[in-house]
Structures are given as C-alpha cells and as structure tokens.
C-alpha cells in the first residue's frame, strides 16, 4: 500500500501478438510484436521496403516506393499460417512470414 504522495507504478507485461503487414491493402506478412508501436516500426524500416521490392508476384514487385504499408492485428486464418511457419522453423523468434505465394526465383550459375 502506497503512502500519501507515493505513486504505485505497475509493471505491465505485454504478451506478443501476431500482426499483419498490409501492402496497398493486401495482407502480405505476419509477424510478432508486443505493442502496436513496436509493430508499426516495421513499416518504416528501409530494409523491409528493399526486401519487399525484390519479391514478386506474377513478375510484379510486392512493394513500390509509393506503396502504402500498414499494420493491424492478424485475423485468425493469418495467425494459423504464422504459427504453422513458426513451428516449422524454430531457428529464430523474429520471423516474417509471407501470407502470399511469391514467384520462384530462378538462379542460373
């Protein structure tokens, strides 16, 4: 019990939530973060735009310089896809899981 003039500061522990990154209103990636602010930071990462610009669907880049990136809480079906991918690859806790099927990159060596 706090005395007069003392403030009780509660430690809040946030569970990790699964978030979806939408590119131009299309659900594209799922990932985990504790808070909205943490999840939203990914939209502002230059490396992510570069990575998404290199990925293609039907030979069209996923992301352009003017693409709108937004996050929201994942829907149940997106959560299932994320958890399946996370279960299949336990090498890292920080996973970005594509919710779409990308073009196959062919490498000629």
PDB file of N, CA and C in Angstrom:
ATOM      1  N   UNK A   1       0.841  -1.170   0.000  1.00  0.00           N
ATOM      2  CA  UNK A   1       0.000   0.000   0.000  1.00  0.00           C
ATOM      3  C   UNK A   1       0.890   1.238   0.000  1.00  0.00           C
ATOM      4  N   UNK A   2       0.619   2.131  -0.921  1.00  0.00           N
ATOM      5  CA  UNK A   2       1.429   3.331  -1.049  1.00  0.00           C
ATOM      6  C   UNK A   2       0.976   4.378  -0.043  1.00  0.00           C
ATOM      7  N   UNK A   3       1.961   5.079   0.511  1.00  0.00           N
ATOM      8  CA  UNK A   3       1.650   6.148   1.437  1.00  0.00           C
ATOM      9  C   UNK A   3       1.272   7.416   0.681  1.00  0.00           C
ATOM     10  N   UNK A   4       0.890   8.433   1.455  1.00  0.00           N
ATOM     11  CA  UNK A   4       0.491   9.688   0.837  1.00  0.00           C
ATOM     12  C   UNK A   4       1.657  10.267   0.045  1.00  0.00           C
ATOM     13  N   UNK A   5       1.389  10.697  -1.182  1.00  0.00           N
ATOM     14  CA  UNK A   5       2.427  11.277  -2.025  1.00  0.00           C
ATOM     15  C   UNK A   5       3.230  10.249  -2.802  1.00  0.00           C
ATOM     16  N   UNK A   6       3.032   8.972  -2.510  1.00  0.00           N
ATOM     17  CA  UNK A   6       3.739   7.926  -3.250  1.00  0.00           C
ATOM     18  C   UNK A   6       2.868   7.457  -4.404  1.00  0.00           C
ATOM     19  N   UNK A   7       3.525   7.065  -5.454  1.00  0.00           N
ATOM     20  CA  UNK A   7       2.813   6.606  -6.638  1.00  0.00           C
ATOM     21  C   UNK A   7       3.123   5.130  -6.862  1.00  0.00           C
ATOM     22  N   UNK A   8       2.091   4.386  -7.117  1.00  0.00           N
ATOM     23  CA  UNK A   8       2.286   2.973  -7.417  1.00  0.00           C
ATOM     24  C   UNK A   8       2.496   2.847  -8.921  1.00  0.00           C
ATOM     25  N   UNK A   9       3.610   2.278  -9.280  1.00  0.00           N
ATOM     26  CA  UNK A   9       3.891   2.053 -10.696  1.00  0.00           C
ATOM     27  C   UNK A   9       3.812   0.549 -10.934  1.00  0.00           C
ATOM     28  N   UNK A  10       2.865   0.186 -11.757  1.00  0.00           N
ATOM     29  CA  UNK A  10       2.694  -1.226 -12.061  1.00  0.00           C
ATOM     30  C   UNK A  10       3.537  -1.588 -13.268  1.00  0.00           C
ATOM     31  N   UNK A  11       4.140  -2.732 -13.201  1.00  0.00           N
ATOM     32  CA  UNK A  11       4.892  -3.233 -14.336  1.00  0.00           C
ATOM     33  C   UNK A  11       3.938  -3.982 -15.237  1.00  0.00           C
ATOM     34  N   UNK A  12       3.851  -3.513 -16.452  1.00  0.00           N
ATOM     35  CA  UNK A  12       2.955  -4.164 -17.400  1.00  0.00           C
ATOM     36  C   UNK A  12       3.768  -5.117 -18.270  1.00  0.00           C
ATOM     37  N   UNK A  13       3.304  -6.308 -18.387  1.00  0.00           N
ATOM     38  CA  UNK A  13       3.943  -7.294 -19.242  1.00  0.00           C
ATOM     39  C   UNK A  13       3.008  -7.549 -20.403  1.00  0.00           C
ATOM     40  N   UNK A  14       3.506  -7.288 -21.593  1.00  0.00           N
ATOM     41  CA  UNK A  14       2.701  -7.473 -22.784  1.00  0.00           C
ATOM     42  C   UNK A  14       3.034  -8.808 -23.429  1.00  0.00           C
ATOM     43  N   UNK A  15       2.016  -9.562 -23.735  1.00  0.00           N
ATOM     44  CA  UNK A  15       2.220 -10.797 -24.483  1.00  0.00           C
ATOM     45  C   UNK A  15       2.458 -10.417 -25.934  1.00  0.00           C
ATOM     46  N   UNK A  16       3.197 -11.251 -26.627  1.00  0.00           N
ATOM     47  CA  UNK A  16       3.435 -10.995 -28.046  1.00  0.00           C
ATOM     48  C   UNK A  16       2.158 -11.301 -28.814  1.00  0.00           C
ATOM     49  N   UNK A  17       1.787 -10.387 -29.685  1.00  0.00           N
ATOM     50  CA  UNK A  17       0.624 -10.560 -30.557  1.00  0.00           C
ATOM     51  C   UNK A  17       1.116 -10.799 -31.969  1.00  0.00           C
ATOM     52  N   UNK A  18       0.271 -11.366 -32.776  1.00  0.00           N
ATOM     53  CA  UNK A  18       0.602 -11.572 -34.184  1.00  0.00           C
ATOM     54  C   UNK A  18      -0.041 -10.437 -34.965  1.00  0.00           C
ATOM     55  N   UNK A  19       0.763  -9.803 -35.790  1.00  0.00           N
ATOM     56  CA  UNK A  19       0.354  -8.639 -36.577  1.00  0.00           C
ATOM     57  C   UNK A  19       0.452  -8.980 -38.055  1.00  0.00           C
ATOM     58  N   UNK A  20      -0.325  -8.283 -38.856  1.00  0.00           N
ATOM     59  CA  UNK A  20      -0.277  -8.441 -40.308  1.00  0.00           C
ATOM     60  C   UNK A  20       0.145  -7.116 -40.932  1.00  0.00           C
ATOM     61  N   UNK A  21       1.101  -7.199 -41.844  1.00  0.00           N
ATOM     62  CA  UNK A  21       1.512  -6.047 -42.631  1.00  0.00           C
ATOM     63  C   UNK A  21       0.750  -6.101 -43.941  1.00  0.00           C
ATOM     64  N   UNK A  22       0.023  -5.030 -44.223  1.00  0.00           N
ATOM     65  CA  UNK A  22      -0.694  -4.921 -45.486  1.00  0.00           C
ATOM     66  C   UNK A  22       0.073  -3.976 -46.398  1.00  0.00           C
ATOM     67  N   UNK A  23       0.217  -4.377 -47.653  1.00  0.00           N
ATOM     68  CA  UNK A  23       0.820  -3.518 -48.663  1.00  0.00           C
ATOM     69  C   UNK A  23      -0.297  -3.151 -49.622  1.00  0.00           C
ATOM     70  N   UNK A  24      -0.573  -1.863 -49.710  1.00  0.00           N
ATOM     71  CA  UNK A  24      -1.666  -1.379 -50.554  1.00  0.00           C
ATOM     72  C   UNK A  24      -2.954  -2.162 -50.281  1.00  0.00           C
ATOM     73  N   UNK A  25      -3.261  -2.335 -49.013  1.00  0.00           N
ATOM     74  CA  UNK A  25      -4.474  -3.011 -48.510  1.00  0.00           C
ATOM     75  C   UNK A  25      -4.497  -4.520 -48.733  1.00  0.00           C
ATOM     76  N   UNK A  26      -3.362  -5.122 -49.099  1.00  0.00           N
ATOM     77  CA  UNK A  26      -3.301  -6.571 -49.296  1.00  0.00           C
ATOM     78  C   UNK A  26      -2.485  -7.204 -48.174  1.00  0.00           C
ATOM     79  N   UNK A  27      -3.072  -8.121 -47.398  1.00  0.00           N
ATOM     80  CA  UNK A  27      -2.318  -8.806 -46.347  1.00  0.00           C
ATOM     81  C   UNK A  27      -1.121  -9.534 -46.960  1.00  0.00           C
ATOM     82  N   UNK A  28       0.082  -9.226 -46.456  1.00  0.00           N
ATOM     83  CA  UNK A  28       1.292  -9.739 -47.089  1.00  0.00           C
ATOM     84  C   UNK A  28       2.199 -10.498 -46.135  1.00  0.00           C
ATOM     85  N   UNK A  29       2.442  -9.948 -44.955  1.00  0.00           N
ATOM     86  CA  UNK A  29       3.352 -10.562 -43.984  1.00  0.00           C
ATOM     87  C   UNK A  29       2.685 -10.664 -42.626  1.00  0.00           C
ATOM     88  N   UNK A  30       3.083 -11.677 -41.869  1.00  0.00           N
ATOM     89  CA  UNK A  30       2.668 -11.784 -40.467  1.00  0.00           C
ATOM     90  C   UNK A  30       3.930 -11.853 -39.619  1.00  0.00           C
ATOM     91  N   UNK A  31       3.851 -11.272 -38.425  1.00  0.00           N
ATOM     92  CA  UNK A  31       4.999 -11.271 -37.514  1.00  0.00           C
ATOM     93  C   UNK A  31       4.499 -11.014 -36.106  1.00  0.00           C
ATOM     94  N   UNK A  32       5.392 -11.201 -35.138  1.00  0.00           N
ATOM     95  CA  UNK A  32       5.027 -10.980 -33.737  1.00  0.00           C
ATOM     96  C   UNK A  32       5.652  -9.695 -33.206  1.00  0.00           C
ATOM     97  N   UNK A  33       4.912  -9.018 -32.357  1.00  0.00           N
ATOM     98  CA  UNK A  33       5.407  -7.846 -31.641  1.00  0.00           C
ATOM     99  C   UNK A  33       4.562  -7.688 -30.377  1.00  0.00           C
ATOM    100  N   UNK A  34       5.097  -7.000 -29.396  1.00  0.00           N
ATOM    101  CA  UNK A  34       4.385  -6.829 -28.126  1.00  0.00           C
ATOM    102  C   UNK A  34       3.320  -5.736 -28.174  1.00  0.00           C
ATOM    103  N   UNK A  35       3.643  -4.609 -28.817  1.00  0.00           N
ATOM    104  CA  UNK A  35       2.736  -3.469 -28.817  1.00  0.00           C
ATOM    105  C   UNK A  35       2.577  -2.934 -30.234  1.00  0.00           C
ATOM    106  N   UNK A  36       1.523  -2.159 -30.428  1.00  0.00           N
ATOM    107  CA  UNK A  36       1.270  -1.553 -31.737  1.00  0.00           C
ATOM    108  C   UNK A  36       2.475  -0.734 -32.197  1.00  0.00           C
ATOM    109  N   UNK A  37       3.009   0.068 -31.310  1.00  0.00           N
ATOM    110  CA  UNK A  37       4.145   0.926 -31.679  1.00  0.00           C
ATOM    111  C   UNK A  37       5.319   0.103 -32.191  1.00  0.00           C
ATOM    112  N   UNK A  38       5.607  -0.987 -31.504  1.00  0.00           N
ATOM    113  CA  UNK A  38       6.695  -1.874 -31.928  1.00  0.00           C
ATOM    114  C   UNK A  38       6.387  -2.487 -33.299  1.00  0.00           C
ATOM    115  N   UNK A  39       5.149  -2.896 -33.488  1.00  0.00           N
ATOM    116  CA  UNK A  39       4.750  -3.490 -34.761  1.00  0.00           C
ATOM    117  C   UNK A  39       4.788  -2.461 -35.884  1.00  0.00           C
ATOM    118  N   UNK A  40       4.347  -1.258 -35.592  1.00  0.00           N
ATOM    119  CA  UNK A  40       4.289  -0.208 -36.615  1.00  0.00           C
ATOM    120  C   UNK A  40       5.675   0.220 -37.087  1.00  0.00           C
ATOM    121  N   UNK A  41       6.670   0.089 -36.226  1.00  0.00           N
ATOM    122  CA  UNK A  41       8.031   0.476 -36.596  1.00  0.00           C
ATOM    123  C   UNK A  41       8.517  -0.271 -37.835  1.00  0.00           C
ATOM    124  N   UNK A  42       8.042  -1.488 -38.027  1.00  0.00           N
ATOM    125  CA  UNK A  42       8.498  -2.272 -39.169  1.00  0.00           C
ATOM    126  C   UNK A  42       8.127  -1.596 -40.489  1.00  0.00           C
ATOM    127  N   UNK A  43       7.027  -0.876 -40.516  1.00  0.00           N
ATOM    128  CA  UNK A  43       6.600  -0.184 -41.743  1.00  0.00           C
ATOM    129  C   UNK A  43       7.591   0.896 -42.164  1.00  0.00           C
ATOM    130  N   UNK A  44       8.394   1.363 -41.242  1.00  0.00           N
ATOM    131  CA  UNK A  44       9.310   2.467 -41.511  1.00  0.00           C
ATOM    132  C   UNK A  44      10.750   2.010 -41.710  1.00  0.00           C
ATOM    133  N   UNK A  45      10.954   0.724 -41.790  1.00  0.00           N
ATOM    134  CA  UNK A  45      12.301   0.187 -41.984  1.00  0.00           C
ATOM    135  C   UNK A  45      12.651   0.148 -43.473  1.00  0.00           C
ATOM    136  N   UNK A  46      13.731   0.809 -43.848  1.00  0.00           N
ATOM    137  CA  UNK A  46      14.136   0.855 -45.261  1.00  0.00           C
ATOM    138  C   UNK A  46      14.466  -0.528 -45.795  1.00  0.00           C
ATOM    139  N   UNK A  47      15.107  -1.362 -44.963  1.00  0.00           N
ATOM    140  CA  UNK A  47      15.495  -2.695 -45.429  1.00  0.00           C
ATOM    141  C   UNK A  47      14.270  -3.510 -45.827  1.00  0.00           C
ATOM    142  N   UNK A  48      13.149  -3.277 -45.139  1.00  0.00           N
ATOM    143  CA  UNK A  48      11.940  -4.035 -45.457  1.00  0.00           C
ATOM    144  C   UNK A  48      11.395  -3.630 -46.827  1.00  0.00           C
ATOM    145  N   UNK A  49      11.358  -2.347 -47.103  1.00  0.00           N
ATOM    146  CA  UNK A  49      10.894  -1.897 -48.424  1.00  0.00           C
ATOM    147  C   UNK A  49      11.777  -2.444 -49.532  1.00  0.00           C
ATOM    148  N   UNK A  50      13.081  -2.474 -49.285  1.00  0.00           N
ATOM    149  CA  UNK A  50      14.002  -3.026 -50.290  1.00  0.00           C
ATOM    150  C   UNK A  50      13.698  -4.504 -50.507  1.00  0.00           C
ATOM    151  N   UNK A  51      13.571  -5.247 -49.403  1.00  0.00           N
ATOM    152  CA  UNK A  51      13.270  -6.686 -49.481  1.00  0.00           C
ATOM    153  C   UNK A  51      11.953  -6.932 -50.211  1.00  0.00           C
ATOM    154  N   UNK A  52      10.930  -6.179 -49.864  1.00  0.00           N
ATOM    155  CA  UNK A  52       9.617  -6.357 -50.489  1.00  0.00           C
ATOM    156  C   UNK A  52       9.625  -5.944 -51.955  1.00  0.00           C
ATOM    157  N   UNK A  53      10.456  -4.980 -52.300  1.00  0.00           N
ATOM    158  CA  UNK A  53      10.579  -4.560 -53.687  1.00  0.00           C
ATOM    159  C   UNK A  53      11.248  -5.613 -54.559  1.00  0.00           C
ATOM    160  N   UNK A  54      12.055  -6.470 -53.936  1.00  0.00           N
ATOM    161  CA  UNK A  54      12.744  -7.533 -54.677  1.00  0.00           C
ATOM    162  C   UNK A  54      11.871  -8.778 -54.848  1.00  0.00           C
ATOM    163  N   UNK A  55      10.875  -8.936 -53.973  1.00  0.00           N
ATOM    164  CA  UNK A  55       9.961 -10.077 -54.072  1.00  0.00           C
ATOM    165  C   UNK A  55       8.877  -9.760 -55.102  1.00  0.00           C
ATOM    166  N   UNK A  56       8.470 -10.772 -55.847  1.00  0.00           N
ATOM    167  CA  UNK A  56       7.491 -10.535 -56.905  1.00  0.00           C
ATOM    168  C   UNK A  56       6.367 -11.556 -56.898  1.00  0.00           C
ATOM    169  N   UNK A  57       5.224 -11.105 -57.411  1.00  0.00           N
ATOM    170  CA  UNK A  57       4.083 -11.974 -57.696  1.00  0.00           C
ATOM    171  C   UNK A  57       3.710 -11.688 -59.141  1.00  0.00           C
ATOM    172  N   UNK A  58       3.661 -12.755 -59.937  1.00  0.00           N
ATOM    173  CA  UNK A  58       3.371 -12.596 -61.369  1.00  0.00           C
ATOM    174  C   UNK A  58       4.280 -11.548 -61.996  1.00  0.00           C
ATOM    175  N   UNK A  59       5.544 -11.589 -61.587  1.00  0.00           N
ATOM    176  CA  UNK A  59       6.590 -10.713 -62.114  1.00  0.00           C
ATOM    177  C   UNK A  59       6.388  -9.232 -61.769  1.00  0.00           C
ATOM    178  N   UNK A  60       5.532  -8.939 -60.781  1.00  0.00           N
ATOM    179  CA  UNK A  60       5.291  -7.567 -60.327  1.00  0.00           C
ATOM    180  C   UNK A  60       5.827  -7.450 -58.891  1.00  0.00           C
ATOM    181  N   UNK A  61       6.678  -6.446 -58.612  1.00  0.00           N
ATOM    182  CA  UNK A  61       7.197  -6.275 -57.243  1.00  0.00           C
ATOM    183  C   UNK A  61       6.068  -6.113 -56.227  1.00  0.00           C
ATOM    184  N   UNK A  62       6.263  -6.701 -55.063  1.00  0.00           N
ATOM    185  CA  UNK A  62       5.274  -6.577 -53.980  1.00  0.00           C
ATOM    186  C   UNK A  62       5.110  -5.144 -53.507  1.00  0.00           C
ATOM    187  N   UNK A  63       6.183  -4.392 -53.548  1.00  0.00           N
ATOM    188  CA  UNK A  63       6.192  -3.066 -52.943  1.00  0.00           C
ATOM    189  C   UNK A  63       6.901  -2.086 -53.874  1.00  0.00           C
ATOM    190  N   UNK A  64       6.265  -0.913 -54.050  1.00  0.00           N
ATOM    191  CA  UNK A  64       6.877   0.168 -54.818  1.00  0.00           C
ATOM    192  C   UNK A  64       7.237   1.292 -53.837  1.00  0.00           C
ATOM    193  N   UNK A  65       7.931   2.272 -54.319  1.00  0.00           N
ATOM    194  CA  UNK A  65       8.322   3.396 -53.458  1.00  0.00           C
ATOM    195  C   UNK A  65       7.105   4.109 -52.879  1.00  0.00           C
ATOM    196  N   UNK A  66       5.997   4.124 -53.622  1.00  0.00           N
ATOM    197  CA  UNK A  66       4.801   4.818 -53.154  1.00  0.00           C
ATOM    198  C   UNK A  66       3.755   3.899 -52.521  1.00  0.00           C
ATOM    199  N   UNK A  67       4.109   2.644 -52.301  1.00  0.00           N
ATOM    200  CA  UNK A  67       3.168   1.698 -51.686  1.00  0.00           C
ATOM    201  C   UNK A  67       2.845   2.114 -50.252  1.00  0.00           C
ATOM    202  N   UNK A  68       1.605   1.871 -49.858  1.00  0.00           N
ATOM    203  CA  UNK A  68       1.124   2.173 -48.511  1.00  0.00           C
ATOM    204  C   UNK A  68       1.301   0.932 -47.640  1.00  0.00           C
ATOM    205  N   UNK A  69       2.132   1.025 -46.602  1.00  0.00           N
ATOM    206  CA  UNK A  69       2.354  -0.076 -45.669  1.00  0.00           C
ATOM    207  C   UNK A  69       1.640   0.245 -44.365  1.00  0.00           C
ATOM    208  N   UNK A  70       0.789  -0.685 -43.921  1.00  0.00           N
ATOM    209  CA  UNK A  70       0.059  -0.522 -42.656  1.00  0.00           C
ATOM    210  C   UNK A  70       0.053  -1.849 -41.914  1.00  0.00           C
ATOM    211  N   UNK A  71      -0.073  -1.757 -40.610  1.00  0.00           N
ATOM    212  CA  UNK A  71      -0.183  -2.981 -39.819  1.00  0.00           C
ATOM    213  C   UNK A  71      -1.522  -3.002 -39.104  1.00  0.00           C
ATOM    214  N   UNK A  72      -1.928  -4.213 -38.764  1.00  0.00           N
ATOM    215  CA  UNK A  72      -3.146  -4.443 -37.980  1.00  0.00           C
ATOM    216  C   UNK A  72      -2.967  -5.776 -37.284  1.00  0.00           C
ATOM    217  N   UNK A  73      -3.804  -6.045 -36.296  1.00  0.00           N
ATOM    218  CA  UNK A  73      -3.770  -7.365 -35.668  1.00  0.00           C
ATOM    219  C   UNK A  73      -4.148  -8.414 -36.703  1.00  0.00           C
ATOM    220  N   UNK A  74      -3.477  -9.538 -36.653  1.00  0.00           N
ATOM    221  CA  UNK A  74      -3.746 -10.616 -37.612  1.00  0.00           C
ATOM    222  C   UNK A  74      -5.121 -11.220 -37.363  1.00  0.00           C
ATOM    223  N   UNK A  75      -5.732 -11.651 -38.427  1.00  0.00           N
ATOM    224  CA  UNK A  75      -7.009 -12.361 -38.355  1.00  0.00           C
ATOM    225  C   UNK A  75      -6.709 -13.822 -38.026  1.00  0.00           C
ATOM    226  N   UNK A  76      -7.722 -14.570 -37.568  1.00  0.00           N
ATOM    227  CA  UNK A  76      -7.486 -15.963 -37.153  1.00  0.00           C
ATOM    228  C   UNK A  76      -6.786 -16.824 -38.214  1.00  0.00           C
ATOM    229  N   UNK A  77      -7.172 -16.728 -39.476  1.00  0.00           N
ATOM    230  CA  UNK A  77      -6.534 -17.551 -40.505  1.00  0.00           C
ATOM    231  C   UNK A  77      -5.074 -17.144 -40.718  1.00  0.00           C
ATOM    232  N   UNK A  78      -4.769 -15.868 -40.564  1.00  0.00           N
ATOM    233  CA  UNK A  78      -3.386 -15.398 -40.685  1.00  0.00           C
ATOM    234  C   UNK A  78      -2.553 -15.871 -39.499  1.00  0.00           C
ATOM    235  N   UNK A  79      -3.169 -15.904 -38.324  1.00  0.00           N
ATOM    236  CA  UNK A  79      -2.483 -16.408 -37.129  1.00  0.00           C
ATOM    237  C   UNK A  79      -2.105 -17.875 -37.320  1.00  0.00           C
ATOM    238  N   UNK A  80      -3.010 -18.649 -37.895  1.00  0.00           N
ATOM    239  CA  UNK A  80      -2.744 -20.069 -38.136  1.00  0.00           C
ATOM    240  C   UNK A  80      -1.553 -20.225 -39.074  1.00  0.00           C
ATOM    241  N   UNK A  81      -1.532 -19.471 -40.172  1.00  0.00           N
ATOM    242  CA  UNK A  81      -0.406 -19.539 -41.116  1.00  0.00           C
ATOM    243  C   UNK A  81       0.899 -19.156 -40.435  1.00  0.00           C
ATOM    244  N   UNK A  82       0.865 -18.103 -39.621  1.00  0.00           N
ATOM    245  CA  UNK A  82       2.066 -17.679 -38.918  1.00  0.00           C
ATOM    246  C   UNK A  82       2.566 -18.775 -37.974  1.00  0.00           C
ATOM    247  N   UNK A  83       1.656 -19.323 -37.190  1.00  0.00           N
ATOM    248  CA  UNK A  83       2.058 -20.350 -36.214  1.00  0.00           C
ATOM    249  C   UNK A  83       2.586 -21.610 -36.897  1.00  0.00           C
ATOM    250  N   UNK A  84       1.989 -21.990 -38.017  1.00  0.00           N
ATOM    251  CA  UNK A  84       2.481 -23.152 -38.764  1.00  0.00           C
ATOM    252  C   UNK A  84       3.905 -22.908 -39.249  1.00  0.00           C
ATOM    253  N   UNK A  85       4.157 -21.742 -39.791  1.00  0.00           N
ATOM    254  CA  UNK A  85       5.504 -21.417 -40.277  1.00  0.00           C
ATOM    255  C   UNK A  85       6.489 -21.325 -39.118  1.00  0.00           C
ATOM    256  N   UNK A  86       6.076 -20.742 -38.007  1.00  0.00           N
ATOM    257  CA  UNK A  86       6.946 -20.623 -36.835  1.00  0.00           C
ATOM    258  C   UNK A  86       7.281 -21.994 -36.267  1.00  0.00           C
ATOM    259  N   UNK A  87       6.317 -22.889 -36.277  1.00  0.00           N
ATOM    260  CA  UNK A  87       6.540 -24.256 -35.780  1.00  0.00           C
ATOM    261  C   UNK A  87       7.499 -25.005 -36.698  1.00  0.00           C
ATOM    262  N   UNK A  88       7.391 -24.774 -37.995  1.00  0.00           N
ATOM    263  CA  UNK A  88       8.242 -25.468 -38.959  1.00  0.00           C
ATOM    264  C   UNK A  88       9.683 -24.976 -38.903  1.00  0.00           C
ATOM    265  N   UNK A  89       9.892 -23.714 -38.511  1.00  0.00           N
ATOM    266  CA  UNK A  89      11.232 -23.129 -38.467  1.00  0.00           C
ATOM    267  C   UNK A  89      11.452 -22.504 -37.104  1.00  0.00           C
ATOM    268  N   UNK A  90      12.082 -23.240 -36.219  1.00  0.00           N
ATOM    269  CA  UNK A  90      12.306 -22.750 -34.856  1.00  0.00           C
ATOM    270  C   UNK A  90      13.674 -22.099 -34.691  1.00  0.00           C
ATOM    271  N   UNK A  91      14.331 -21.743 -35.805  1.00  0.00           N
ATOM    272  CA  UNK A  91      15.684 -21.204 -35.727  1.00  0.00           C
ATOM    273  C   UNK A  91      15.734 -19.774 -35.197  1.00  0.00           C
ATOM    274  N   UNK A  92      14.622 -19.058 -35.215  1.00  0.00           N
ATOM    275  CA  UNK A  92      14.607 -17.673 -34.760  1.00  0.00           C
ATOM    276  C   UNK A  92      13.237 -17.319 -34.200  1.00  0.00           C
ATOM    277  N   UNK A  93      13.232 -16.427 -33.229  1.00  0.00           N
ATOM    278  CA  UNK A  93      11.959 -15.933 -32.685  1.00  0.00           C
ATOM    279  C   UNK A  93      11.401 -14.781 -33.511  1.00  0.00           C
ATOM    280  N   UNK A  94      12.280 -14.103 -34.242  1.00  0.00           N
ATOM    281  CA  UNK A  94      11.862 -12.949 -35.033  1.00  0.00           C
ATOM    282  C   UNK A  94      11.626 -13.381 -36.472  1.00  0.00           C
ATOM    283  N   UNK A  95      10.393 -13.729 -36.753  1.00  0.00           N
ATOM    284  CA  UNK A  95      10.048 -14.249 -38.071  1.00  0.00           C
ATOM    285  C   UNK A  95       9.119 -13.305 -38.808  1.00  0.00           C
ATOM    286  N   UNK A  96       9.358 -13.187 -40.101  1.00  0.00           N
ATOM    287  CA  UNK A  96       8.418 -12.546 -41.004  1.00  0.00           C
ATOM    288  C   UNK A  96       7.898 -13.662 -41.893  1.00  0.00           C
ATOM    289  N   UNK A  97       6.610 -13.889 -41.853  1.00  0.00           N
ATOM    290  CA  UNK A  97       6.002 -14.984 -42.603  1.00  0.00           C
ATOM    291  C   UNK A  97       5.142 -14.401 -43.718  1.00  0.00           C
ATOM    292  N   UNK A  98       5.459 -14.778 -44.950  1.00  0.00           N
ATOM    293  CA  UNK A  98       4.651 -14.314 -46.076  1.00  0.00           C
ATOM    294  C   UNK A  98       3.298 -15.014 -46.053  1.00  0.00           C
ATOM    295  N   UNK A  99       2.251 -14.242 -46.241  1.00  0.00           N
ATOM    296  CA  UNK A  99       0.888 -14.769 -46.283  1.00  0.00           C
ATOM    297  C   UNK A  99       0.440 -15.008 -47.721  1.00  0.00           C
ATOM    298  N   UNK A 100       1.323 -14.776 -48.645  1.00  0.00           N
ATOM    299  CA  UNK A 100       1.041 -14.911 -50.073  1.00  0.00           C
ATOM    300  C   UNK A 100       2.099 -15.799 -50.702  1.00  0.00           C
ATOM    301  N   UNK A 101       1.810 -16.293 -51.874  1.00  0.00           N
ATOM    302  CA  UNK A 101       2.778 -17.130 -52.581  1.00  0.00           C
ATOM    303  C   UNK A 101       3.560 -16.256 -53.548  1.00  0.00           C
ATOM    304  N   UNK A 102       4.868 -16.246 -53.364  1.00  0.00           N
ATOM    305  CA  UNK A 102       5.752 -15.425 -54.178  1.00  0.00           C
ATOM    306  C   UNK A 102       6.198 -16.171 -55.422  1.00  0.00           C
ATOM    307  N   UNK A 103       6.663 -15.419 -56.422  1.00  0.00           N
ATOM    308  CA  UNK A 103       7.270 -16.032 -57.600  1.00  0.00           C
ATOM    309  C   UNK A 103       8.510 -16.797 -57.161  1.00  0.00           C
ATOM    310  N   UNK A 104       8.783 -17.878 -57.837  1.00  0.00           N
ATOM    311  CA  UNK A 104      10.002 -18.648 -57.592  1.00  0.00           C
ATOM    312  C   UNK A 104      11.157 -17.923 -58.279  1.00  0.00           C
ATOM    313  N   UNK A 105      12.225 -17.713 -57.533  1.00  0.00           N
ATOM    314  CA  UNK A 105      13.401 -17.064 -58.094  1.00  0.00           C
ATOM    315  C   UNK A 105      14.293 -18.158 -58.668  1.00  0.00           C
ATOM    316  N   UNK A 106      14.600 -18.025 -59.954  1.00  0.00           N
ATOM    317  CA  UNK A 106      15.456 -19.000 -60.613  1.00  0.00           C
ATOM    318  C   UNK A 106      16.855 -18.417 -60.703  1.00  0.00           C
ATOM    319  N   UNK A 107      17.814 -19.180 -60.261  1.00  0.00           N
ATOM    320  CA  UNK A 107      19.205 -18.734 -60.296  1.00  0.00           C
ATOM    321  C   UNK A 107      19.968 -19.582 -61.290  1.00  0.00           C
ATOM    322  N   UNK A 108      20.632 -18.929 -62.241  1.00  0.00           N
ATOM    323  CA  UNK A 108      21.457 -19.646 -63.214  1.00  0.00           C
ATOM    324  C   UNK A 108      22.905 -19.392 -62.866  1.00  0.00           C
ATOM    325  N   UNK A 109      23.627 -20.467 -62.585  1.00  0.00           N
ATOM    326  CA  UNK A 109      25.045 -20.336 -62.228  1.00  0.00           C
ATOM    327  C   UNK A 109      25.879 -21.099 -63.186  1.00  0.00           C
TER     328      UNK A 109
END
